[in-house]
Amino acid sequence: MRRNEDYIETCVQNGTGKCAKVYADFGDIRNKTFKEWWSENDRGATLFANKASANTLRIVEKHEIESLDPDLVLLSLPLDLPMKHLVSRFKKLVGEIHKPNRLSKLGLDASKSNAKGRQYAKYSNATYRFEGQPNIKALKIGLYVYDLARANPDKTKWGIAMMIPDFQPDHRIIEGDKGKVLVDKKNILSATISRYIKRARDSISYVGQGEFPRPKKLTL
């Protein structure tokens, strides 16, 4: 977000600007560490944590039906059936729609943190949530490449790639490369760096609109 020029300009203008709506939640980020920003007034949890769901069973009133929380489900129970049968059917039905079981239907083990992580974004009801499953490693590399390119504007794309240790090891230029081999390596390295820069630039634009890390389409 600090790389988003529109957001920084909004901070300079005390919340007035292109990113005013997001600024109302995120505030001025210029002179705070991430930890300070996250913990201030419990901001991180307020913006990114799932909203608490109702934790009690109760009878839903008719006027509440249309505004029912997405994490609640409305069931019809025929009260003239035996209690034992109702309890059995209730367990079976809830077992089919309960969130952890959605993971199993997708071939994921709900007891494994990675499986949970792949689904948290999909089922999140937080104020701000990830669109899709974030690839942390790719995001970090993308921002590193983006910053490196901005710090070295006169470098070629393949030159930027060669500045990064162990980047694209199968296509790194080595002494003795020439002709088509050299041209092909430069093209591959340049194309890869260009993709990282574009994705990072897009993500930086998206966060100014409160989208993390990148939605399918940017609203201009």
C-alpha atoms as a PDB file:
ATOM      1  CA  MET A   1       0.000   0.000   0.000  1.00  0.00           C
ATOM      2  CA  ARG A   2       2.956   2.341   0.616  1.00  0.00           C
ATOM      3  CA  ARG A   3       3.844   1.835  -3.056  1.00  0.00           C
ATOM      4  CA  ASN A   4       0.441   3.111  -4.200  1.00  0.00           C
ATOM      5  CA  GLU A   5       0.979   6.758  -5.116  1.00  0.00           C
ATOM      6  CA  ASP A   6      -2.723   7.600  -5.029  1.00  0.00           C
ATOM      7  CA  TYR A   7      -3.014   6.238  -1.491  1.00  0.00           C
ATOM      8  CA  ILE A   8       0.047   8.143  -0.296  1.00  0.00           C
ATOM      9  CA  GLU A   9      -1.365  11.319  -1.851  1.00  0.00           C
ATOM     10  CA  THR A  10      -4.619  10.662   0.017  1.00  0.00           C
ATOM     11  CA  CYS A  11      -2.585  10.377   3.239  1.00  0.00           C
ATOM     12  CA  VAL A  12      -0.864  13.704   2.472  1.00  0.00           C
ATOM     13  CA  GLN A  13      -4.307  15.295   2.044  1.00  0.00           C
ATOM     14  CA  ASN A  14      -5.549  13.824   5.353  1.00  0.00           C
ATOM     15  CA  GLY A  15      -8.001  11.427   3.765  1.00  0.00           C
ATOM     16  CA  THR A  16      -9.107  13.435   0.748  1.00  0.00           C
ATOM     17  CA  GLY A  17      -8.366  11.938  -2.643  1.00  0.00           C
ATOM     18  CA  LYS A  18      -8.825   8.922  -4.895  1.00  0.00           C
ATOM     19  CA  CYS A  19      -8.433   6.442  -2.025  1.00  0.00           C
ATOM     20  CA  ALA A  20     -10.606   8.243   0.527  1.00  0.00           C
ATOM     21  CA  LYS A  21     -12.922   5.268   1.056  1.00  0.00           C
ATOM     22  CA  VAL A  22     -10.077   2.881   1.912  1.00  0.00           C
ATOM     23  CA  TYR A  23      -8.291   5.581   3.934  1.00  0.00           C
ATOM     24  CA  ALA A  24     -11.339   5.794   6.205  1.00  0.00           C
ATOM     25  CA  ASP A  25     -10.505   2.255   7.357  1.00  0.00           C
ATOM     26  CA  PHE A  26      -6.741   2.052   6.947  1.00  0.00           C
ATOM     27  CA  GLY A  27      -5.707   5.579   7.902  1.00  0.00           C
ATOM     28  CA  ASP A  28      -2.297   7.191   7.415  1.00  0.00           C
ATOM     29  CA  ILE A  29       0.265   4.414   6.974  1.00  0.00           C
ATOM     30  CA  ARG A  30       3.323   6.548   6.263  1.00  0.00           C
ATOM     31  CA  ASN A  31       4.981   6.743   9.667  1.00  0.00           C
ATOM     32  CA  LYS A  32       3.955   3.478  11.317  1.00  0.00           C
ATOM     33  CA  THR A  33       5.421   0.018  11.335  1.00  0.00           C
ATOM     34  CA  PHE A  34       3.087  -2.724  10.193  1.00  0.00           C
ATOM     35  CA  LYS A  35       2.799  -3.986  13.777  1.00  0.00           C
ATOM     36  CA  GLU A  36       1.870  -0.527  15.048  1.00  0.00           C
ATOM     37  CA  TRP A  37      -0.704  -0.070  12.292  1.00  0.00           C
ATOM     38  CA  TRP A  38      -2.203  -3.544  12.785  1.00  0.00           C
ATOM     39  CA  SER A  39      -2.571  -3.300  16.578  1.00  0.00           C
ATOM     40  CA  GLU A  40      -3.781   0.301  16.783  1.00  0.00           C
ATOM     41  CA  ASN A  41      -7.408   0.201  17.982  1.00  0.00           C
ATOM     42  CA  ASP A  42      -7.413  -3.497  17.079  1.00  0.00           C
ATOM     43  CA  ARG A  43      -7.475  -2.422  13.428  1.00  0.00           C
ATOM     44  CA  GLY A  44      -6.086  -5.615  11.885  1.00  0.00           C
ATOM     45  CA  ALA A  45      -8.629  -7.906  13.493  1.00  0.00           C
ATOM     46  CA  THR A  46     -11.461  -5.475  12.824  1.00  0.00           C
ATOM     47  CA  LEU A  47     -10.697  -5.259   9.100  1.00  0.00           C
ATOM     48  CA  PHE A  48      -9.445  -8.742   8.275  1.00  0.00           C
ATOM     49  CA  ALA A  49     -10.918 -11.177  10.800  1.00  0.00           C
ATOM     50  CA  ASN A  50     -14.106 -13.108  10.140  1.00  0.00           C
ATOM     51  CA  LYS A  51     -17.120 -11.607  11.826  1.00  0.00           C
ATOM     52  CA  ALA A  52     -18.357 -13.628  14.762  1.00  0.00           C
ATOM     53  CA  SER A  53     -21.239 -15.931  13.974  1.00  0.00           C
ATOM     54  CA  ALA A  54     -24.171 -16.511  16.280  1.00  0.00           C
ATOM     55  CA  ASN A  55     -23.218 -19.360  18.622  1.00  0.00           C
ATOM     56  CA  THR A  56     -26.611 -20.371  19.949  1.00  0.00           C
ATOM     57  CA  LEU A  57     -29.533 -22.386  18.586  1.00  0.00           C
ATOM     58  CA  ARG A  58     -32.769 -20.433  18.622  1.00  0.00           C
ATOM     59  CA  ILE A  59     -36.064 -19.990  16.847  1.00  0.00           C
ATOM     60  CA  VAL A  60     -35.808 -17.448  14.031  1.00  0.00           C
ATOM     61  CA  GLU A  61     -38.589 -14.879  13.912  1.00  0.00           C
ATOM     62  CA  LYS A  62     -40.342 -14.311  10.572  1.00  0.00           C
ATOM     63  CA  HIS A  63     -39.092 -10.734  10.259  1.00  0.00           C
ATOM     64  CA  GLU A  64     -35.473 -11.939  10.516  1.00  0.00           C
ATOM     65  CA  ILE A  65     -35.550 -14.361   7.579  1.00  0.00           C
ATOM     66  CA  GLU A  66     -34.608 -11.940   4.796  1.00  0.00           C
ATOM     67  CA  SER A  67     -31.643 -10.504   6.735  1.00  0.00           C
ATOM     68  CA  LEU A  68     -30.278 -13.827   7.978  1.00  0.00           C
ATOM     69  CA  ASP A  69     -26.486 -13.983   8.395  1.00  0.00           C
ATOM     70  CA  PRO A  70     -24.809 -15.932   5.514  1.00  0.00           C
ATOM     71  CA  ASP A  71     -23.262 -18.267   8.094  1.00  0.00           C
ATOM     72  CA  LEU A  72     -26.681 -19.215   9.469  1.00  0.00           C
ATOM     73  CA  VAL A  73     -29.062 -21.682   7.883  1.00  0.00           C
ATOM     74  CA  LEU A  74     -32.830 -21.876   8.191  1.00  0.00           C
ATOM     75  CA  LEU A  75     -34.220 -25.392   8.727  1.00  0.00           C
ATOM     76  CA  SER A  76     -37.786 -26.653   8.657  1.00  0.00           C
ATOM     77  CA  LEU A  77     -38.559 -29.107  11.498  1.00  0.00           C
ATOM     78  CA  PRO A  78     -41.877 -30.994  11.455  1.00  0.00           C
ATOM     79  CA  LEU A  79     -42.679 -31.000  15.165  1.00  0.00           C
ATOM     80  CA  ASP A  80     -45.102 -33.911  14.903  1.00  0.00           C
ATOM     81  CA  LEU A  81     -42.209 -36.358  14.292  1.00  0.00           C
ATOM     82  CA  PRO A  82     -40.453 -38.217  17.129  1.00  0.00           C
ATOM     83  CA  MET A  83     -37.612 -36.309  18.796  1.00  0.00           C
ATOM     84  CA  LYS A  84     -35.122 -39.129  18.130  1.00  0.00           C
ATOM     85  CA  HIS A  85     -35.870 -39.022  14.406  1.00  0.00           C
ATOM     86  CA  LEU A  86     -35.589 -35.202  14.297  1.00  0.00           C
ATOM     87  CA  VAL A  87     -32.209 -35.255  16.056  1.00  0.00           C
ATOM     88  CA  SER A  88     -30.927 -37.917  13.676  1.00  0.00           C
ATOM     89  CA  ARG A  89     -32.068 -35.992  10.595  1.00  0.00           C
ATOM     90  CA  PHE A  90     -30.703 -32.745  12.036  1.00  0.00           C
ATOM     91  CA  LYS A  91     -27.227 -34.242  12.522  1.00  0.00           C
ATOM     92  CA  LYS A  92     -27.225 -35.688   9.026  1.00  0.00           C
ATOM     93  CA  LEU A  93     -28.381 -32.486   7.350  1.00  0.00           C
ATOM     94  CA  VAL A  94     -26.043 -30.189   9.273  1.00  0.00           C
ATOM     95  CA  GLY A  95     -23.203 -32.631   8.618  1.00  0.00           C
ATOM     96  CA  GLU A  96     -23.759 -32.171   4.886  1.00  0.00           C
ATOM     97  CA  ILE A  97     -23.659 -28.370   4.926  1.00  0.00           C
ATOM     98  CA  HIS A  98     -21.206 -27.665   7.737  1.00  0.00           C
ATOM     99  CA  LYS A  99     -18.119 -25.772   6.475  1.00  0.00           C
ATOM    100  CA  PRO A 100     -15.412 -28.310   7.437  1.00  0.00           C
ATOM    101  CA  ASN A 101     -17.281 -30.877   5.338  1.00  0.00           C
ATOM    102  CA  ARG A 102     -17.111 -28.590   2.337  1.00  0.00           C
ATOM    103  CA  LEU A 103     -13.352 -29.102   2.436  1.00  0.00           C
ATOM    104  CA  SER A 104     -13.756 -32.872   2.343  1.00  0.00           C
ATOM    105  CA  LYS A 105     -15.994 -32.636  -0.704  1.00  0.00           C
ATOM    106  CA  LEU A 106     -13.210 -30.706  -2.413  1.00  0.00           C
ATOM    107  CA  GLY A 107     -10.749 -33.469  -1.607  1.00  0.00           C
ATOM    108  CA  LEU A 108      -9.091 -31.508   1.205  1.00  0.00           C
ATOM    109  CA  ASP A 109      -8.299 -32.583   4.748  1.00  0.00           C
ATOM    110  CA  ALA A 110      -9.904 -30.052   7.063  1.00  0.00           C
ATOM    111  CA  SER A 111      -7.442 -30.993   9.809  1.00  0.00           C
ATOM    112  CA  LYS A 112      -4.482 -29.738   7.780  1.00  0.00           C
ATOM    113  CA  SER A 113      -3.630 -26.057   8.002  1.00  0.00           C
ATOM    114  CA  ASN A 114      -2.791 -25.777   4.297  1.00  0.00           C
ATOM    115  CA  ALA A 115      -6.207 -27.106   3.355  1.00  0.00           C
ATOM    116  CA  LYS A 116      -7.828 -24.658   5.723  1.00  0.00           C
ATOM    117  CA  GLY A 117      -5.731 -21.833   4.298  1.00  0.00           C
ATOM    118  CA  ARG A 118      -6.827 -22.600   0.759  1.00  0.00           C
ATOM    119  CA  GLN A 119     -10.459 -22.199   1.792  1.00  0.00           C
ATOM    120  CA  TYR A 120     -10.384 -19.317   4.294  1.00  0.00           C
ATOM    121  CA  ALA A 121     -10.340 -16.751   1.505  1.00  0.00           C
ATOM    122  CA  LYS A 122     -13.316 -18.373  -0.201  1.00  0.00           C
ATOM    123  CA  TYR A 123     -15.497 -18.519   2.917  1.00  0.00           C
ATOM    124  CA  SER A 124     -14.299 -15.344   4.633  1.00  0.00           C
ATOM    125  CA  ASN A 125     -16.917 -12.793   5.699  1.00  0.00           C
ATOM    126  CA  ALA A 126     -14.344 -10.210   6.779  1.00  0.00           C
ATOM    127  CA  THR A 127     -14.664  -6.544   5.805  1.00  0.00           C
ATOM    128  CA  TYR A 128     -11.556  -6.929   3.644  1.00  0.00           C
ATOM    129  CA  ARG A 129     -10.729 -10.362   2.321  1.00  0.00           C
ATOM    130  CA  PHE A 130      -8.403 -11.989  -0.157  1.00  0.00           C
ATOM    131  CA  GLU A 131      -9.757 -12.552  -3.642  1.00  0.00           C
ATOM    132  CA  GLY A 132      -8.589 -16.054  -4.443  1.00  0.00           C
ATOM    133  CA  GLN A 133      -5.852 -17.801  -2.519  1.00  0.00           C
ATOM    134  CA  PRO A 134      -2.803 -15.541  -2.028  1.00  0.00           C
ATOM    135  CA  ASN A 135       0.570 -16.959  -3.070  1.00  0.00           C
ATOM    136  CA  ILE A 136       2.787 -15.312  -0.442  1.00  0.00           C
ATOM    137  CA  LYS A 137       6.049 -16.408  -2.054  1.00  0.00           C
ATOM    138  CA  ALA A 138       5.055 -15.063  -5.474  1.00  0.00           C
ATOM    139  CA  LEU A 139       3.840 -11.788  -3.947  1.00  0.00           C
ATOM    140  CA  LYS A 140       7.147 -11.284  -2.123  1.00  0.00           C
ATOM    141  CA  ILE A 141       9.180 -12.019  -5.238  1.00  0.00           C
ATOM    142  CA  GLY A 142       6.960  -9.734  -7.291  1.00  0.00           C
ATOM    143  CA  LEU A 143       7.410  -6.786  -4.932  1.00  0.00           C
ATOM    144  CA  TYR A 144      11.163  -7.437  -4.730  1.00  0.00           C
ATOM    145  CA  VAL A 145      11.429  -7.411  -8.543  1.00  0.00           C
ATOM    146  CA  TYR A 146       9.211  -4.311  -8.771  1.00  0.00           C
ATOM    147  CA  ASP A 147      11.356  -2.390  -6.262  1.00  0.00           C
ATOM    148  CA  LEU A 148      14.571  -3.548  -7.933  1.00  0.00           C
ATOM    149  CA  ALA A 149      13.368  -2.389 -11.344  1.00  0.00           C
ATOM    150  CA  ARG A 150      12.323   1.014  -9.989  1.00  0.00           C
ATOM    151  CA  ALA A 151      15.695   1.423  -8.280  1.00  0.00           C
ATOM    152  CA  ASN A 152      17.521   0.541 -11.526  1.00  0.00           C
ATOM    153  CA  PRO A 153      15.539   2.266 -14.317  1.00  0.00           C
ATOM    154  CA  ASP A 154      18.432   2.031 -16.796  1.00  0.00           C
ATOM    155  CA  LYS A 155      18.779  -1.734 -16.441  1.00  0.00           C
ATOM    156  CA  THR A 156      17.299  -4.071 -19.032  1.00  0.00           C
ATOM    157  CA  LYS A 157      14.697  -6.577 -17.849  1.00  0.00           C
ATOM    158  CA  TRP A 158      17.128  -9.449 -18.302  1.00  0.00           C
ATOM    159  CA  GLY A 159      19.752  -7.381 -16.490  1.00  0.00           C
ATOM    160  CA  ILE A 160      17.363  -7.067 -13.526  1.00  0.00           C
ATOM    161  CA  ALA A 161      16.894 -10.836 -13.572  1.00  0.00           C
ATOM    162  CA  MET A 162      20.650 -11.387 -13.419  1.00  0.00           C
ATOM    163  CA  MET A 163      20.825  -9.197 -10.289  1.00  0.00           C
ATOM    164  CA  ILE A 164      18.634 -11.654  -8.378  1.00  0.00           C
ATOM    165  CA  PRO A 165      20.511 -14.665  -6.947  1.00  0.00           C
ATOM    166  CA  ASP A 166      19.189 -18.050  -8.100  1.00  0.00           C
ATOM    167  CA  PHE A 167      16.470 -16.436 -10.239  1.00  0.00           C
ATOM    168  CA  GLN A 168      15.519 -18.665 -13.194  1.00  0.00           C
ATOM    169  CA  PRO A 169      18.598 -20.883 -12.759  1.00  0.00           C
ATOM    170  CA  ASP A 170      17.952 -22.817 -15.984  1.00  0.00           C
ATOM    171  CA  HIS A 171      18.014 -19.626 -18.028  1.00  0.00           C
ATOM    172  CA  ARG A 172      20.757 -17.588 -16.374  1.00  0.00           C
ATOM    173  CA  ILE A 173      23.336 -16.161 -18.736  1.00  0.00           C
ATOM    174  CA  ILE A 174      26.760 -17.693 -18.269  1.00  0.00           C
ATOM    175  CA  GLU A 175      30.142 -17.015 -19.797  1.00  0.00           C
ATOM    176  CA  GLY A 176      30.306 -18.455 -23.270  1.00  0.00           C
ATOM    177  CA  ASP A 177      26.616 -17.983 -24.127  1.00  0.00           C
ATOM    178  CA  LYS A 178      26.233 -16.493 -27.597  1.00  0.00           C
ATOM    179  CA  GLY A 179      24.064 -16.460 -30.655  1.00  0.00           C
ATOM    180  CA  LYS A 180      20.565 -17.965 -30.374  1.00  0.00           C
ATOM    181  CA  VAL A 181      21.259 -19.388 -26.912  1.00  0.00           C
ATOM    182  CA  LEU A 182      22.071 -15.912 -25.573  1.00  0.00           C
ATOM    183  CA  VAL A 183      19.100 -14.291 -27.324  1.00  0.00           C
ATOM    184  CA  ASP A 184      16.687 -16.947 -26.057  1.00  0.00           C
ATOM    185  CA  LYS A 185      17.904 -16.603 -22.475  1.00  0.00           C
ATOM    186  CA  LYS A 186      17.569 -12.824 -22.568  1.00  0.00           C
ATOM    187  CA  ASN A 187      14.051 -13.106 -23.971  1.00  0.00           C
ATOM    188  CA  ILE A 188      12.958 -15.626 -21.327  1.00  0.00           C
ATOM    189  CA  LEU A 189      14.448 -13.609 -18.471  1.00  0.00           C
ATOM    190  CA  SER A 190      12.955 -10.356 -19.798  1.00  0.00           C
ATOM    191  CA  ALA A 191       9.495 -11.893 -20.222  1.00  0.00           C
ATOM    192  CA  THR A 192       9.555 -13.363 -16.721  1.00  0.00           C
ATOM    193  CA  ILE A 193      10.618 -10.074 -15.127  1.00  0.00           C
ATOM    194  CA  SER A 194       7.940  -8.223 -17.118  1.00  0.00           C
ATOM    195  CA  ARG A 195       5.247 -10.573 -15.774  1.00  0.00           C
ATOM    196  CA  TYR A 196       6.369 -10.064 -12.188  1.00  0.00           C
ATOM    197  CA  ILE A 197       6.432  -6.287 -12.608  1.00  0.00           C
ATOM    198  CA  LYS A 198       2.965  -6.212 -14.193  1.00  0.00           C
ATOM    199  CA  ARG A 199       1.443  -8.378 -11.467  1.00  0.00           C
ATOM    200  CA  ALA A 200       3.078  -6.291  -8.740  1.00  0.00           C
ATOM    201  CA  ARG A 201       1.909  -3.056 -10.401  1.00  0.00           C
ATOM    202  CA  ASP A 202      -1.631  -4.415 -10.668  1.00  0.00           C
ATOM    203  CA  SER A 203      -1.650  -5.552  -7.032  1.00  0.00           C
ATOM    204  CA  ILE A 204      -0.401  -2.141  -5.900  1.00  0.00           C
ATOM    205  CA  SER A 205      -3.235  -0.505  -7.841  1.00  0.00           C
ATOM    206  CA  TYR A 206      -5.821  -2.897  -6.403  1.00  0.00           C
ATOM    207  CA  VAL A 207      -4.927  -2.270  -2.748  1.00  0.00           C
ATOM    208  CA  GLY A 208      -5.804   1.391  -3.236  1.00  0.00           C
ATOM    209  CA  GLN A 209      -9.342   0.142  -3.825  1.00  0.00           C
ATOM    210  CA  GLY A 210      -9.261  -2.246  -0.869  1.00  0.00           C
ATOM    211  CA  GLU A 211      -8.795  -5.390  -2.981  1.00  0.00           C
ATOM    212  CA  PHE A 212      -6.268  -8.003  -1.806  1.00  0.00           C
ATOM    213  CA  PRO A 213      -4.154  -9.187  -3.456  1.00  0.00           C
ATOM    214  CA  ARG A 214      -5.766  -8.824  -6.866  1.00  0.00           C
ATOM    215  CA  PRO A 215      -9.322  -9.283  -8.145  1.00  0.00           C
ATOM    216  CA  LYS A 216     -10.176 -10.459 -11.661  1.00  0.00           C
ATOM    217  CA  LYS A 217     -10.730  -6.953 -12.946  1.00  0.00           C
ATOM    218  CA  LEU A 218      -9.457  -3.571 -11.839  1.00  0.00           C
ATOM    219  CA  THR A 219     -12.055  -0.805 -11.612  1.00  0.00           C
ATOM    220  CA  LEU A 220     -10.562   2.333 -13.144  1.00  0.00           C
END
